[in-house]
Amino acid sequence: MAIACSLGAVTLKARVAAIEDLARRSLRTSRREPLKLHLTFAPEALPELRDLVAKETDCCAFLDFDLRAEPARCD
């Protein structure tokens, strides 16, 4: 398996901008471990996250994603 993104420069720039926009709007927490990044987003971002994971899985097959939707908490 190749460890390289298959996106062209223009598409990559647009993808990065979309990821940054999503993070600005919906990222709640982040935690980095060796070779892992744990991100928590607002629940309303789930459809956009599913789309993003599908796109990233297609262009960057070397990445693994574990997308989980958790039930809403009642505090």
PDB file of N, CA and C in Angstrom:
ATOM      1  N   MET A   1       0.844  -1.173   0.000  1.00  0.00           N
ATOM      2  CA  MET A   1       0.000   0.000   0.000  1.00  0.00           C
ATOM      3  C   MET A   1       0.894   1.243   0.000  1.00  0.00           C
ATOM      4  N   ALA A   2       0.591   2.165  -0.898  1.00  0.00           N
ATOM      5  CA  ALA A   2       1.351   3.409  -0.976  1.00  0.00           C
ATOM      6  C   ALA A   2       0.987   4.319   0.195  1.00  0.00           C
ATOM      7  N   ILE A   3       1.993   4.981   0.732  1.00  0.00           N
ATOM      8  CA  ILE A   3       1.751   5.941   1.810  1.00  0.00           C
ATOM      9  C   ILE A   3       1.892   7.335   1.219  1.00  0.00           C
ATOM     10  N   ALA A   4       0.874   7.710   0.458  1.00  0.00           N
ATOM     11  CA  ALA A   4       0.852   9.027  -0.166  1.00  0.00           C
ATOM     12  C   ALA A   4      -0.591   9.389  -0.478  1.00  0.00           C
ATOM     13  N   CYS A   5      -0.886  10.643  -0.389  1.00  0.00           N
ATOM     14  CA  CYS A   5      -2.200  11.146  -0.745  1.00  0.00           C
ATOM     15  C   CYS A   5      -2.286  11.208  -2.268  1.00  0.00           C
ATOM     16  N   SER A   6      -3.391  10.783  -2.813  1.00  0.00           N
ATOM     17  CA  SER A   6      -3.546  10.770  -4.263  1.00  0.00           C
ATOM     18  C   SER A   6      -4.233  12.020  -4.809  1.00  0.00           C
ATOM     19  N   LEU A   7      -4.489  13.003  -3.972  1.00  0.00           N
ATOM     20  CA  LEU A   7      -5.134  14.234  -4.435  1.00  0.00           C
ATOM     21  C   LEU A   7      -4.144  15.136  -5.150  1.00  0.00           C
ATOM     22  N   GLY A   8      -4.644  15.833  -6.155  1.00  0.00           N
ATOM     23  CA  GLY A   8      -3.836  16.847  -6.814  1.00  0.00           C
ATOM     24  C   GLY A   8      -3.757  18.094  -5.945  1.00  0.00           C
ATOM     25  N   ALA A   9      -2.887  19.010  -6.302  1.00  0.00           N
ATOM     26  CA  ALA A   9      -2.627  20.195  -5.475  1.00  0.00           C
ATOM     27  C   ALA A   9      -3.880  21.047  -5.247  1.00  0.00           C
ATOM     28  N   VAL A  10      -4.654  21.282  -6.286  1.00  0.00           N
ATOM     29  CA  VAL A  10      -5.844  22.128  -6.155  1.00  0.00           C
ATOM     30  C   VAL A  10      -6.891  21.446  -5.277  1.00  0.00           C
ATOM     31  N   THR A  11      -7.117  20.156  -5.520  1.00  0.00           N
ATOM     32  CA  THR A  11      -8.094  19.411  -4.727  1.00  0.00           C
ATOM     33  C   THR A  11      -7.645  19.296  -3.281  1.00  0.00           C
ATOM     34  N   LEU A  12      -6.357  19.080  -3.059  1.00  0.00           N
ATOM     35  CA  LEU A  12      -5.826  18.992  -1.700  1.00  0.00           C
ATOM     36  C   LEU A  12      -6.038  20.311  -0.952  1.00  0.00           C
ATOM     37  N   LYS A  13      -5.784  21.413  -1.622  1.00  0.00           N
ATOM     38  CA  LYS A  13      -5.971  22.726  -0.986  1.00  0.00           C
ATOM     39  C   LYS A  13      -7.432  22.929  -0.585  1.00  0.00           C
ATOM     40  N   ALA A  14      -8.353  22.541  -1.447  1.00  0.00           N
ATOM     41  CA  ALA A  14      -9.778  22.669  -1.135  1.00  0.00           C
ATOM     42  C   ALA A  14     -10.168  21.742   0.013  1.00  0.00           C
ATOM     43  N   ARG A  15      -9.627  20.525   0.025  1.00  0.00           N
ATOM     44  CA  ARG A  15      -9.943  19.565   1.092  1.00  0.00           C
ATOM     45  C   ARG A  15      -9.446  20.080   2.434  1.00  0.00           C
ATOM     46  N   VAL A  16      -8.228  20.592   2.465  1.00  0.00           N
ATOM     47  CA  VAL A  16      -7.670  21.131   3.709  1.00  0.00           C
ATOM     48  C   VAL A  16      -8.514  22.298   4.204  1.00  0.00           C
ATOM     49  N   ALA A  17      -8.935  23.159   3.300  1.00  0.00           N
ATOM     50  CA  ALA A  17      -9.785  24.297   3.687  1.00  0.00           C
ATOM     51  C   ALA A  17     -11.110  23.815   4.271  1.00  0.00           C
ATOM     52  N   ALA A  18     -11.692  22.771   3.674  1.00  0.00           N
ATOM     53  CA  ALA A  18     -12.950  22.229   4.186  1.00  0.00           C
ATOM     54  C   ALA A  18     -12.759  21.613   5.575  1.00  0.00           C
ATOM     55  N   ILE A  19     -11.652  20.899   5.772  1.00  0.00           N
ATOM     56  CA  ILE A  19     -11.358  20.306   7.085  1.00  0.00           C
ATOM     57  C   ILE A  19     -11.153  21.398   8.131  1.00  0.00           C
ATOM     58  N   GLU A  20     -10.423  22.437   7.779  1.00  0.00           N
ATOM     59  CA  GLU A  20     -10.207  23.553   8.712  1.00  0.00           C
ATOM     60  C   GLU A  20     -11.530  24.226   9.075  1.00  0.00           C
ATOM     61  N   ASP A  21     -12.409  24.409   8.079  1.00  0.00           N
ATOM     62  CA  ASP A  21     -13.708  25.028   8.331  1.00  0.00           C
ATOM     63  C   ASP A  21     -14.553  24.162   9.258  1.00  0.00           C
ATOM     64  N   LEU A  22     -14.584  22.857   8.998  1.00  0.00           N
ATOM     65  CA  LEU A  22     -15.328  21.947   9.865  1.00  0.00           C
ATOM     66  C   LEU A  22     -14.781  21.986  11.291  1.00  0.00           C
ATOM     67  N   ALA A  23     -13.488  21.981  11.441  1.00  0.00           N
ATOM     68  CA  ALA A  23     -12.875  22.036  12.774  1.00  0.00           C
ATOM     69  C   ALA A  23     -13.230  23.340  13.488  1.00  0.00           C
ATOM     70  N   ARG A  24     -13.172  24.444  12.766  1.00  0.00           N
ATOM     71  CA  ARG A  24     -13.518  25.737  13.371  1.00  0.00           C
ATOM     72  C   ARG A  24     -14.960  25.742  13.875  1.00  0.00           C
ATOM     73  N   ARG A  25     -15.854  25.141  13.111  1.00  0.00           N
ATOM     74  CA  ARG A  25     -17.275  25.155  13.459  1.00  0.00           C
ATOM     75  C   ARG A  25     -17.667  24.109  14.491  1.00  0.00           C
ATOM     76  N   SER A  26     -17.027  22.939  14.466  1.00  0.00           N
ATOM     77  CA  SER A  26     -17.591  21.808  15.213  1.00  0.00           C
ATOM     78  C   SER A  26     -16.643  21.025  16.105  1.00  0.00           C
ATOM     79  N   LEU A  27     -15.339  21.261  16.032  1.00  0.00           N
ATOM     80  CA  LEU A  27     -14.412  20.483  16.846  1.00  0.00           C
ATOM     81  C   LEU A  27     -14.556  20.858  18.315  1.00  0.00           C
ATOM     82  N   ARG A  28     -14.777  19.845  19.149  1.00  0.00           N
ATOM     83  CA  ARG A  28     -14.939  20.079  20.595  1.00  0.00           C
ATOM     84  C   ARG A  28     -13.648  19.796  21.351  1.00  0.00           C
ATOM     85  N   THR A  29     -13.018  18.654  21.079  1.00  0.00           N
ATOM     86  CA  THR A  29     -11.769  18.295  21.755  1.00  0.00           C
ATOM     87  C   THR A  29     -10.849  17.565  20.778  1.00  0.00           C
ATOM     88  N   SER A  30      -9.565  17.594  21.113  1.00  0.00           N
ATOM     89  CA  SER A  30      -8.591  16.814  20.347  1.00  0.00           C
ATOM     90  C   SER A  30      -7.522  16.296  21.290  1.00  0.00           C
ATOM     91  N   ARG A  31      -7.016  15.114  20.966  1.00  0.00           N
ATOM     92  CA  ARG A  31      -5.958  14.498  21.764  1.00  0.00           C
ATOM     93  C   ARG A  31      -5.063  13.715  20.812  1.00  0.00           C
ATOM     94  N   ARG A  32      -3.770  13.907  20.948  1.00  0.00           N
ATOM     95  CA  ARG A  32      -2.806  13.222  20.076  1.00  0.00           C
ATOM     96  C   ARG A  32      -2.048  12.172  20.856  1.00  0.00           C
ATOM     97  N   GLU A  33      -1.916  11.004  20.239  1.00  0.00           N
ATOM     98  CA  GLU A  33      -1.084   9.915  20.749  1.00  0.00           C
ATOM     99  C   GLU A  33      -0.133   9.540  19.620  1.00  0.00           C
ATOM    100  N   PRO A  34       0.885   8.761  19.913  1.00  0.00           N
ATOM    101  CA  PRO A  34       1.735   8.300  18.811  1.00  0.00           C
ATOM    102  C   PRO A  34       0.886   7.566  17.760  1.00  0.00           C
ATOM    103  N   LEU A  35       0.940   8.037  16.560  1.00  0.00           N
ATOM    104  CA  LEU A  35       0.249   7.445  15.409  1.00  0.00           C
ATOM    105  C   LEU A  35      -1.271   7.477  15.501  1.00  0.00           C
ATOM    106  N   LYS A  36      -1.832   8.268  16.422  1.00  0.00           N
ATOM    107  CA  LYS A  36      -3.290   8.387  16.553  1.00  0.00           C
ATOM    108  C   LYS A  36      -3.665   9.824  16.866  1.00  0.00           C
ATOM    109  N   LEU A  37      -4.808  10.209  16.346  1.00  0.00           N
ATOM    110  CA  LEU A  37      -5.386  11.509  16.658  1.00  0.00           C
ATOM    111  C   LEU A  37      -6.845  11.263  17.013  1.00  0.00           C
ATOM    112  N   HIS A  38      -7.238  11.667  18.199  1.00  0.00           N
ATOM    113  CA  HIS A  38      -8.610  11.507  18.668  1.00  0.00           C
ATOM    114  C   HIS A  38      -9.295  12.867  18.592  1.00  0.00           C
ATOM    115  N   LEU A  39     -10.374  12.930  17.842  1.00  0.00           N
ATOM    116  CA  LEU A  39     -11.104  14.178  17.665  1.00  0.00           C
ATOM    117  C   LEU A  39     -12.558  13.973  18.071  1.00  0.00           C
ATOM    118  N   THR A  40     -13.118  14.944  18.769  1.00  0.00           N
ATOM    119  CA  THR A  40     -14.529  14.907  19.139  1.00  0.00           C
ATOM    120  C   THR A  40     -15.198  16.126  18.533  1.00  0.00           C
ATOM    121  N   PHE A  41     -16.261  15.865  17.770  1.00  0.00           N
ATOM    122  CA  PHE A  41     -16.985  16.929  17.094  1.00  0.00           C
ATOM    123  C   PHE A  41     -18.388  17.045  17.650  1.00  0.00           C
ATOM    124  N   ALA A  42     -19.013  18.170  17.418  1.00  0.00           N
ATOM    125  CA  ALA A  42     -20.409  18.369  17.790  1.00  0.00           C
ATOM    126  C   ALA A  42     -21.268  17.361  17.027  1.00  0.00           C
ATOM    127  N   PRO A  43     -22.326  16.859  17.646  1.00  0.00           N
ATOM    128  CA  PRO A  43     -23.164  15.836  17.002  1.00  0.00           C
ATOM    129  C   PRO A  43     -23.709  16.243  15.632  1.00  0.00           C
ATOM    130  N   GLU A  44     -24.007  17.492  15.448  1.00  0.00           N
ATOM    131  CA  GLU A  44     -24.579  17.942  14.172  1.00  0.00           C
ATOM    132  C   GLU A  44     -23.583  17.865  13.014  1.00  0.00           C
ATOM    133  N   ALA A  45     -22.322  17.631  13.307  1.00  0.00           N
ATOM    134  CA  ALA A  45     -21.302  17.508  12.266  1.00  0.00           C
ATOM    135  C   ALA A  45     -21.224  16.097  11.683  1.00  0.00           C
ATOM    136  N   LEU A  46     -21.982  15.141  12.237  1.00  0.00           N
ATOM    137  CA  LEU A  46     -21.855  13.746  11.824  1.00  0.00           C
ATOM    138  C   LEU A  46     -22.031  13.518  10.317  1.00  0.00           C
ATOM    139  N   PRO A  47     -23.043  14.068   9.659  1.00  0.00           N
ATOM    140  CA  PRO A  47     -23.152  13.834   8.212  1.00  0.00           C
ATOM    141  C   PRO A  47     -21.931  14.345   7.439  1.00  0.00           C
ATOM    142  N   GLU A  48     -21.442  15.496   7.815  1.00  0.00           N
ATOM    143  CA  GLU A  48     -20.264  16.064   7.158  1.00  0.00           C
ATOM    144  C   GLU A  48     -19.018  15.220   7.453  1.00  0.00           C
ATOM    145  N   LEU A  49     -18.918  14.705   8.670  1.00  0.00           N
ATOM    146  CA  LEU A  49     -17.790  13.843   9.030  1.00  0.00           C
ATOM    147  C   LEU A  49     -17.825  12.530   8.257  1.00  0.00           C
ATOM    148  N   ARG A  50     -19.008  11.948   8.110  1.00  0.00           N
ATOM    149  CA  ARG A  50     -19.125  10.712   7.325  1.00  0.00           C
ATOM    150  C   ARG A  50     -18.659  10.938   5.891  1.00  0.00           C
ATOM    151  N   ASP A  51     -19.063  12.060   5.315  1.00  0.00           N
ATOM    152  CA  ASP A  51     -18.650  12.398   3.950  1.00  0.00           C
ATOM    153  C   ASP A  51     -17.136  12.588   3.882  1.00  0.00           C
ATOM    154  N   LEU A  52     -16.582  13.295   4.841  1.00  0.00           N
ATOM    155  CA  LEU A  52     -15.139  13.539   4.877  1.00  0.00           C
ATOM    156  C   LEU A  52     -14.357  12.231   5.018  1.00  0.00           C
ATOM    157  N   VAL A  53     -14.795  11.351   5.907  1.00  0.00           N
ATOM    158  CA  VAL A  53     -14.111  10.073   6.104  1.00  0.00           C
ATOM    159  C   VAL A  53     -14.166   9.247   4.816  1.00  0.00           C
ATOM    160  N   ALA A  54     -15.298   9.255   4.136  1.00  0.00           N
ATOM    161  CA  ALA A  54     -15.398   8.516   2.865  1.00  0.00           C
ATOM    162  C   ALA A  54     -14.416   9.065   1.840  1.00  0.00           C
ATOM    163  N   LYS A  55     -14.321  10.374   1.738  1.00  0.00           N
ATOM    164  CA  LYS A  55     -13.392  11.000   0.790  1.00  0.00           C
ATOM    165  C   LYS A  55     -11.944  10.710   1.165  1.00  0.00           C
ATOM    166  N   GLU A  56     -11.620  10.813   2.440  1.00  0.00           N
ATOM    167  CA  GLU A  56     -10.244  10.579   2.881  1.00  0.00           C
ATOM    168  C   GLU A  56      -9.854   9.105   2.725  1.00  0.00           C
ATOM    169  N   THR A  57     -10.782   8.212   2.962  1.00  0.00           N
ATOM    170  CA  THR A  57     -10.517   6.789   2.785  1.00  0.00           C
ATOM    171  C   THR A  57     -10.205   6.486   1.323  1.00  0.00           C
ATOM    172  N   ASP A  58     -10.881   7.186   0.428  1.00  0.00           N
ATOM    173  CA  ASP A  58     -10.670   6.982  -1.004  1.00  0.00           C
ATOM    174  C   ASP A  58      -9.307   7.493  -1.459  1.00  0.00           C
ATOM    175  N   CYS A  59      -8.910   8.676  -1.004  1.00  0.00           N
ATOM    176  CA  CYS A  59      -7.663   9.275  -1.512  1.00  0.00           C
ATOM    177  C   CYS A  59      -6.431   8.913  -0.684  1.00  0.00           C
ATOM    178  N   CYS A  60      -6.627   8.521   0.548  1.00  0.00           N
ATOM    179  CA  CYS A  60      -5.496   8.225   1.443  1.00  0.00           C
ATOM    180  C   CYS A  60      -5.725   6.865   2.095  1.00  0.00           C
ATOM    181  N   ALA A  61      -5.593   5.826   1.296  1.00  0.00           N
ATOM    182  CA  ALA A  61      -5.914   4.472   1.746  1.00  0.00           C
ATOM    183  C   ALA A  61      -5.043   3.996   2.909  1.00  0.00           C
ATOM    184  N   PHE A  62      -3.942   4.673   3.162  1.00  0.00           N
ATOM    185  CA  PHE A  62      -3.061   4.276   4.252  1.00  0.00           C
ATOM    186  C   PHE A  62      -3.569   4.730   5.617  1.00  0.00           C
ATOM    187  N   LEU A  63      -4.597   5.572   5.655  1.00  0.00           N
ATOM    188  CA  LEU A  63      -5.160   6.046   6.915  1.00  0.00           C
ATOM    189  C   LEU A  63      -6.262   5.102   7.388  1.00  0.00           C
ATOM    190  N   ASP A  64      -6.388   4.954   8.698  1.00  0.00           N
ATOM    191  CA  ASP A  64      -7.480   4.194   9.297  1.00  0.00           C
ATOM    192  C   ASP A  64      -8.365   5.156  10.066  1.00  0.00           C
ATOM    193  N   PHE A  65      -9.663   4.989   9.925  1.00  0.00           N
ATOM    194  CA  PHE A  65     -10.617   5.832  10.635  1.00  0.00           C
ATOM    195  C   PHE A  65     -11.506   4.958  11.493  1.00  0.00           C
ATOM    196  N   ASP A  66     -11.873   5.465  12.661  1.00  0.00           N
ATOM    197  CA  ASP A  66     -12.814   4.798  13.547  1.00  0.00           C
ATOM    198  C   ASP A  66     -13.832   5.862  13.945  1.00  0.00           C
ATOM    199  N   LEU A  67     -14.829   6.031  13.112  1.00  0.00           N
ATOM    200  CA  LEU A  67     -15.841   7.065  13.324  1.00  0.00           C
ATOM    201  C   LEU A  67     -16.948   6.488  14.192  1.00  0.00           C
ATOM    202  N   ARG A  68     -17.200   7.133  15.302  1.00  0.00           N
ATOM    203  CA  ARG A  68     -18.226   6.665  16.250  1.00  0.00           C
ATOM    204  C   ARG A  68     -19.181   7.797  16.565  1.00  0.00           C
ATOM    205  N   ALA A  69     -20.455   7.459  16.602  1.00  0.00           N
ATOM    206  CA  ALA A  69     -21.478   8.401  17.051  1.00  0.00           C
ATOM    207  C   ALA A  69     -21.951   7.915  18.406  1.00  0.00           C
ATOM    208  N   GLU A  70     -21.870   8.770  19.389  1.00  0.00           N
ATOM    209  CA  GLU A  70     -22.272   8.405  20.737  1.00  0.00           C
ATOM    210  C   GLU A  70     -23.621   9.019  21.058  1.00  0.00           C
ATOM    211  N   PRO A  71     -24.414   8.345  21.877  1.00  0.00           N
ATOM    212  CA  PRO A  71     -25.728   8.891  22.255  1.00  0.00           C
ATOM    213  C   PRO A  71     -25.554  10.239  22.980  1.00  0.00           C
ATOM    214  N   ALA A  72     -26.531  11.090  22.778  1.00  0.00           N
ATOM    215  CA  ALA A  72     -26.512  12.398  23.447  1.00  0.00           C
ATOM    216  C   ALA A  72     -26.582  12.196  24.959  1.00  0.00           C
ATOM    217  N   ARG A  73     -25.857  13.038  25.678  1.00  0.00           N
ATOM    218  CA  ARG A  73     -25.872  12.980  27.140  1.00  0.00           C
ATOM    219  C   ARG A  73     -26.943  13.923  27.668  1.00  0.00           C
ATOM    220  N   CYS A  74     -27.574  13.546  28.738  1.00  0.00           N
ATOM    221  CA  CYS A  74     -28.545  14.397  29.409  1.00  0.00           C
ATOM    222  C   CYS A  74     -27.938  14.832  30.729  1.00  0.00           C
ATOM    223  N   ASP A  75     -27.421  16.029  30.747  1.00  0.00           N
ATOM    224  CA  ASP A  75     -26.777  16.536  31.988  1.00  0.00           C
ATOM    225  C   ASP A  75     -27.740  17.332  32.815  1.00  0.00           C
TER     226      ASP A  75
END
